[in-house]
Amino acid sequence: MAYPRDISIADAIKRYGLPRNHKVHWSKARKDDVVRAVRERAISFHEARSRYLLSRSEFEQWEADYVASGGDAQGERTRMQDA
């Protein structure tokens, strides 16, 4: 579990403004929100992958785009859980 035990996945999704499921238009901002939530451990990589039907390579591309646009000033790598 990536998020604190006292916060439900629904609360984490609301806090980060994430879509409830994969049936949305994936704008750059929405992709960045998902990447940021995973990087900040609000949700796990596995949760994002299953909830949004992402392949590992698709998420990695979203992450690379996020970093390239200045989304990660520290340049840390995401700690993704093996799926």
Protein backbone atom coordinates (compact mmCIF):
# COMPACT_ATOMS: atom_id res chain seq x y z
CA MET A 1 0.00 0.00 0.00
CA ALA A 2 1.56 3.27 -1.10
CA TYR A 3 -0.71 5.67 0.74
CA PRO A 4 -0.97 5.99 4.53
CA ARG A 5 -3.21 3.44 6.21
CA ASP A 6 -5.58 6.13 7.47
CA ILE A 7 -6.33 7.32 3.90
CA SER A 8 -8.41 5.24 1.51
CA ILE A 9 -7.54 4.94 -2.16
CA ALA A 10 -10.69 6.99 -2.87
CA ASP A 11 -9.35 9.79 -0.63
CA ALA A 12 -5.94 9.67 -2.34
CA ILE A 13 -7.61 9.89 -5.76
CA LYS A 14 -9.71 12.86 -4.66
CA ARG A 15 -6.72 14.61 -3.07
CA TYR A 16 -4.73 14.41 -6.31
CA GLY A 17 -7.73 15.10 -8.56
CA LEU A 18 -7.25 11.83 -10.40
CA PRO A 19 -9.86 10.32 -12.70
CA ARG A 20 -11.90 7.50 -11.17
CA ASN A 21 -11.10 5.17 -14.06
CA HIS A 22 -9.49 4.94 -17.49
CA LYS A 23 -12.52 6.26 -19.43
CA VAL A 24 -11.34 9.86 -19.75
CA HIS A 25 -9.54 12.01 -22.28
CA TRP A 26 -5.89 11.74 -21.21
CA SER A 27 -4.66 15.30 -21.37
CA LYS A 28 -1.06 16.14 -20.44
CA ALA A 29 -2.31 17.55 -17.13
CA ARG A 30 -4.16 14.33 -16.22
CA LYS A 31 -1.16 12.20 -17.12
CA ASP A 32 1.06 14.47 -15.01
CA ASP A 33 -1.37 14.15 -12.09
CA VAL A 34 -1.15 10.36 -12.22
CA VAL A 35 2.65 10.42 -12.45
CA ARG A 36 2.91 12.89 -9.57
CA ALA A 37 0.57 10.79 -7.41
CA VAL A 38 2.68 7.68 -8.01
CA ARG A 39 5.97 9.50 -7.45
CA GLU A 40 4.67 11.01 -4.20
CA ARG A 41 3.35 7.59 -3.15
CA ALA A 42 -0.26 8.72 -2.92
CA ILE A 43 -1.14 5.64 -4.98
CA SER A 44 1.04 2.71 -5.96
CA PHE A 45 2.28 2.08 -9.48
CA HIS A 46 0.28 -1.16 -9.42
CA GLU A 47 -2.91 0.73 -8.47
CA ALA A 48 -2.37 3.29 -11.25
CA ARG A 49 -1.58 0.57 -13.74
CA SER A 50 -4.70 -1.47 -12.99
CA ARG A 51 -7.07 1.48 -12.48
CA TYR A 52 -6.02 3.28 -15.69
CA LEU A 53 -5.14 0.21 -17.81
CA LEU A 54 -1.54 1.34 -18.30
CA SER A 55 1.36 -0.69 -19.57
CA ARG A 56 4.69 -0.17 -17.85
CA SER A 57 6.12 1.44 -21.00
CA GLU A 58 3.13 3.79 -21.31
CA PHE A 59 3.56 4.96 -17.71
CA GLU A 60 7.31 5.35 -18.24
CA GLN A 61 6.61 7.59 -21.26
CA TRP A 62 4.18 9.69 -19.19
CA GLU A 63 6.86 9.92 -16.51
CA ALA A 64 9.55 10.94 -19.01
CA ASP A 65 7.25 13.65 -20.39
CA TYR A 66 6.52 14.83 -16.83
CA VAL A 67 10.21 15.11 -15.99
CA ALA A 68 11.05 16.75 -19.34
CA SER A 69 8.45 19.44 -18.69
CA GLY A 70 10.02 20.25 -15.32
CA GLY A 71 7.60 18.24 -13.23
CA ASP A 72 10.36 16.79 -11.09
CA ALA A 73 12.89 19.37 -10.01
CA GLN A 74 14.86 16.83 -7.97
CA GLY A 75 15.26 14.29 -10.78
CA GLU A 76 14.48 11.30 -8.57
CA ARG A 77 13.49 8.01 -10.15
CA THR A 78 10.07 6.60 -9.40
CA ARG A 79 10.02 3.58 -7.15
CA MET A 80 7.55 1.43 -9.00
CA GLN A 81 6.32 -1.80 -7.52
CA ASP A 82 6.75 -4.84 -9.72
CA ALA A 83 3.45 -5.88 -11.16
